Amino acid sequence: MTDTTTHDAVIADWIAAANSHDVERFLSFFEADAVLDDPSVGEKFEGHEGIGAYFTSYFIGYDTQTRLLGVERRGDTEHVDVDFTGSFPGGQTGGIFDITFAGDRIAHVRADLS
């Protein structure tokens, strides 16, 4: 099992990849069959194709930048608090990612706005 310190580093690198708007780099953090569930947009995105479409629409499309506020271990999940800024309505909002890892890759993310 990968330790929490390693997960913290992976999460920080994953957010940096998101902020670079590099789709391939962002997807490299995910298992091939990973799922991203985002109730705030009412959809689940499956695999690299689905997660890539999500990332292109909501991160690249809105020029979203994500600031890491904190990470807390909750059972088998890393609860990540973030702040989003971008060209979406309002220009700023809080959010969370609840991330489940398979080794050092992301297997499942529940994303939501706060």
C-alpha atoms as a PDB file:
ATOM      1  CA  MET A   1       0.000   0.000   0.000  1.00  0.00           C
ATOM      2  CA  THR A   2       1.204   3.506  -0.820  1.00  0.00           C
ATOM      3  CA  ASP A   3       1.545   5.724   2.234  1.00  0.00           C
ATOM      4  CA  THR A   4      -0.345   8.971   2.840  1.00  0.00           C
ATOM      5  CA  THR A   5       2.771  11.116   2.286  1.00  0.00           C
ATOM      6  CA  THR A   6       3.086   9.671  -1.222  1.00  0.00           C
ATOM      7  CA  HIS A   7      -0.607  10.303  -1.873  1.00  0.00           C
ATOM      8  CA  ASP A   8      -0.185  13.924  -0.746  1.00  0.00           C
ATOM      9  CA  ALA A   9       2.632  14.353  -3.274  1.00  0.00           C
ATOM     10  CA  VAL A  10       0.566  12.696  -6.034  1.00  0.00           C
ATOM     11  CA  ILE A  11      -2.390  14.979  -5.248  1.00  0.00           C
ATOM     12  CA  ALA A  12      -0.187  18.093  -5.394  1.00  0.00           C
ATOM     13  CA  ASP A  13       1.304  16.946  -8.722  1.00  0.00           C
ATOM     14  CA  TRP A  14      -2.178  16.087 -10.073  1.00  0.00           C
ATOM     15  CA  ILE A  15      -3.443  19.594  -9.247  1.00  0.00           C
ATOM     16  CA  ALA A  16      -0.360  21.102 -10.894  1.00  0.00           C
ATOM     17  CA  ALA A  17      -1.166  19.004 -13.988  1.00  0.00           C
ATOM     18  CA  ALA A  18      -4.757  20.288 -13.921  1.00  0.00           C
ATOM     19  CA  ASN A  19      -3.516  23.872 -13.750  1.00  0.00           C
ATOM     20  CA  SER A  20      -1.238  23.290 -16.752  1.00  0.00           C
ATOM     21  CA  HIS A  21      -4.318  22.299 -18.836  1.00  0.00           C
ATOM     22  CA  ASP A  22      -2.303  19.403 -20.288  1.00  0.00           C
ATOM     23  CA  VAL A  23      -4.871  16.639 -20.883  1.00  0.00           C
ATOM     24  CA  GLU A  24      -2.345  13.803 -21.259  1.00  0.00           C
ATOM     25  CA  ARG A  25      -0.449  14.817 -18.132  1.00  0.00           C
ATOM     26  CA  PHE A  26      -3.715  15.108 -16.160  1.00  0.00           C
ATOM     27  CA  LEU A  27      -4.919  11.681 -17.335  1.00  0.00           C
ATOM     28  CA  SER A  28      -1.591  10.022 -16.503  1.00  0.00           C
ATOM     29  CA  PHE A  29      -2.591  10.130 -12.819  1.00  0.00           C
ATOM     30  CA  PHE A  30      -5.652   7.903 -13.420  1.00  0.00           C
ATOM     31  CA  GLU A  31      -6.084   4.156 -13.800  1.00  0.00           C
ATOM     32  CA  ALA A  32      -7.321   3.340 -17.328  1.00  0.00           C
ATOM     33  CA  ASP A  33     -10.754   2.344 -15.948  1.00  0.00           C
ATOM     34  CA  ALA A  34     -11.021   5.110 -13.335  1.00  0.00           C
ATOM     35  CA  VAL A  35     -14.346   6.808 -12.628  1.00  0.00           C
ATOM     36  CA  LEU A  36     -14.909  10.483 -11.851  1.00  0.00           C
ATOM     37  CA  ASP A  37     -18.329  11.169 -10.339  1.00  0.00           C
ATOM     38  CA  ASP A  38     -19.304  14.847 -10.189  1.00  0.00           C
ATOM     39  CA  PRO A  39     -22.808  15.444  -8.767  1.00  0.00           C
ATOM     40  CA  SER A  40     -22.411  19.200  -9.355  1.00  0.00           C
ATOM     41  CA  VAL A  41     -22.630  18.534 -13.115  1.00  0.00           C
ATOM     42  CA  GLY A  42     -24.889  15.496 -12.725  1.00  0.00           C
ATOM     43  CA  GLU A  43     -22.628  12.987 -14.472  1.00  0.00           C
ATOM     44  CA  LYS A  44     -20.151  10.152 -13.987  1.00  0.00           C
ATOM     45  CA  PHE A  45     -17.185  10.051 -16.347  1.00  0.00           C
ATOM     46  CA  GLU A  46     -15.569   6.691 -17.037  1.00  0.00           C
ATOM     47  CA  GLY A  47     -12.078   5.859 -18.237  1.00  0.00           C
ATOM     48  CA  HIS A  48      -9.572   8.184 -19.794  1.00  0.00           C
ATOM     49  CA  GLU A  49     -11.968   9.142 -22.592  1.00  0.00           C
ATOM     50  CA  GLY A  50     -14.742  10.254 -20.230  1.00  0.00           C
ATOM     51  CA  ILE A  51     -12.447  11.921 -17.709  1.00  0.00           C
ATOM     52  CA  GLY A  52     -10.618  13.684 -20.561  1.00  0.00           C
ATOM     53  CA  ALA A  53     -13.938  15.081 -21.823  1.00  0.00           C
ATOM     54  CA  TYR A  54     -14.775  16.286 -18.285  1.00  0.00           C
ATOM     55  CA  PHE A  55     -11.367  17.931 -17.917  1.00  0.00           C
ATOM     56  CA  THR A  56     -11.599  19.604 -21.339  1.00  0.00           C
ATOM     57  CA  SER A  57     -15.099  20.964 -20.648  1.00  0.00           C
ATOM     58  CA  TYR A  58     -14.788  22.136 -17.073  1.00  0.00           C
ATOM     59  CA  PHE A  59     -11.103  22.903 -16.583  1.00  0.00           C
ATOM     60  CA  ILE A  60      -9.749  23.935 -19.977  1.00  0.00           C
ATOM     61  CA  GLY A  61     -13.102  25.338 -21.171  1.00  0.00           C
ATOM     62  CA  TYR A  62     -13.424  27.632 -18.154  1.00  0.00           C
ATOM     63  CA  ASP A  63      -9.675  28.316 -17.793  1.00  0.00           C
ATOM     64  CA  THR A  64      -9.999  26.848 -14.288  1.00  0.00           C
ATOM     65  CA  GLN A  65      -7.140  27.118 -11.829  1.00  0.00           C
ATOM     66  CA  THR A  66      -7.240  24.991  -8.696  1.00  0.00           C
ATOM     67  CA  ARG A  67      -5.634  25.889  -5.375  1.00  0.00           C
ATOM     68  CA  LEU A  68      -5.030  23.080  -2.885  1.00  0.00           C
ATOM     69  CA  LEU A  69      -6.312  24.009   0.579  1.00  0.00           C
ATOM     70  CA  GLY A  70      -5.868  20.729   2.439  1.00  0.00           C
ATOM     71  CA  VAL A  71      -5.860  16.937   2.405  1.00  0.00           C
ATOM     72  CA  GLU A  72      -7.392  14.726   5.084  1.00  0.00           C
ATOM     73  CA  ARG A  73      -7.357  10.936   5.204  1.00  0.00           C
ATOM     74  CA  ARG A  74     -10.888   9.513   5.645  1.00  0.00           C
ATOM     75  CA  GLY A  75     -10.731   5.725   5.747  1.00  0.00           C
ATOM     76  CA  ASP A  76      -9.594   4.568   2.301  1.00  0.00           C
ATOM     77  CA  THR A  77     -10.219   7.987   0.776  1.00  0.00           C
ATOM     78  CA  GLU A  78      -8.203  11.193   0.601  1.00  0.00           C
ATOM     79  CA  HIS A  79     -10.548  14.154   1.141  1.00  0.00           C
ATOM     80  CA  VAL A  80      -9.131  17.146  -0.741  1.00  0.00           C
ATOM     81  CA  ASP A  81     -10.366  20.708  -0.193  1.00  0.00           C
ATOM     82  CA  VAL A  82      -9.716  23.118  -3.063  1.00  0.00           C
ATOM     83  CA  ASP A  83     -10.562  26.564  -4.354  1.00  0.00           C
ATOM     84  CA  PHE A  84     -11.407  27.054  -8.036  1.00  0.00           C
ATOM     85  CA  THR A  85     -11.053  30.257 -10.053  1.00  0.00           C
ATOM     86  CA  GLY A  86     -11.841  30.675 -13.730  1.00  0.00           C
ATOM     87  CA  SER A  87     -14.138  32.136 -16.354  1.00  0.00           C
ATOM     88  CA  PHE A  88     -17.229  30.278 -15.066  1.00  0.00           C
ATOM     89  CA  PRO A  89     -20.145  32.265 -13.571  1.00  0.00           C
ATOM     90  CA  GLY A  90     -19.015  33.935 -10.351  1.00  0.00           C
ATOM     91  CA  GLY A  91     -15.324  33.355 -11.129  1.00  0.00           C
ATOM     92  CA  GLN A  92     -14.547  31.567  -7.839  1.00  0.00           C
ATOM     93  CA  THR A  93     -15.916  28.677  -5.783  1.00  0.00           C
ATOM     94  CA  GLY A  94     -14.789  26.081  -3.311  1.00  0.00           C
ATOM     95  CA  GLY A  95     -14.794  22.391  -4.017  1.00  0.00           C
ATOM     96  CA  ILE A  96     -13.777  18.943  -2.889  1.00  0.00           C
ATOM     97  CA  PHE A  97     -12.306  15.806  -4.360  1.00  0.00           C
ATOM     98  CA  ASP A  98     -12.703  12.504  -2.510  1.00  0.00           C
ATOM     99  CA  ILE A  99      -9.999  10.352  -4.086  1.00  0.00           C
ATOM    100  CA  THR A 100      -9.536   6.592  -3.859  1.00  0.00           C
ATOM    101  CA  PHE A 101      -6.174   5.276  -5.006  1.00  0.00           C
ATOM    102  CA  ALA A 102      -5.048   1.977  -6.492  1.00  0.00           C
ATOM    103  CA  GLY A 103      -1.370   2.102  -5.550  1.00  0.00           C
ATOM    104  CA  ASP A 104      -0.180   5.529  -6.696  1.00  0.00           C
ATOM    105  CA  ARG A 105      -2.864   5.976  -9.395  1.00  0.00           C
ATOM    106  CA  ILE A 106      -6.339   7.413  -8.968  1.00  0.00           C
ATOM    107  CA  ALA A 107      -9.086   4.783  -9.227  1.00  0.00           C
ATOM    108  CA  HIS A 108     -12.124   6.881  -8.261  1.00  0.00           C
ATOM    109  CA  VAL A 109     -12.868  10.550  -7.652  1.00  0.00           C
ATOM    110  CA  ARG A 110     -16.017  12.089  -6.282  1.00  0.00           C
ATOM    111  CA  ALA A 111     -15.806  15.777  -7.182  1.00  0.00           C
ATOM    112  CA  ASP A 112     -18.236  18.416  -5.987  1.00  0.00           C
ATOM    113  CA  LEU A 113     -18.559  22.141  -5.539  1.00  0.00           C
ATOM    114  CA  SER A 114     -18.995  23.541  -2.053  1.00  0.00           C
END
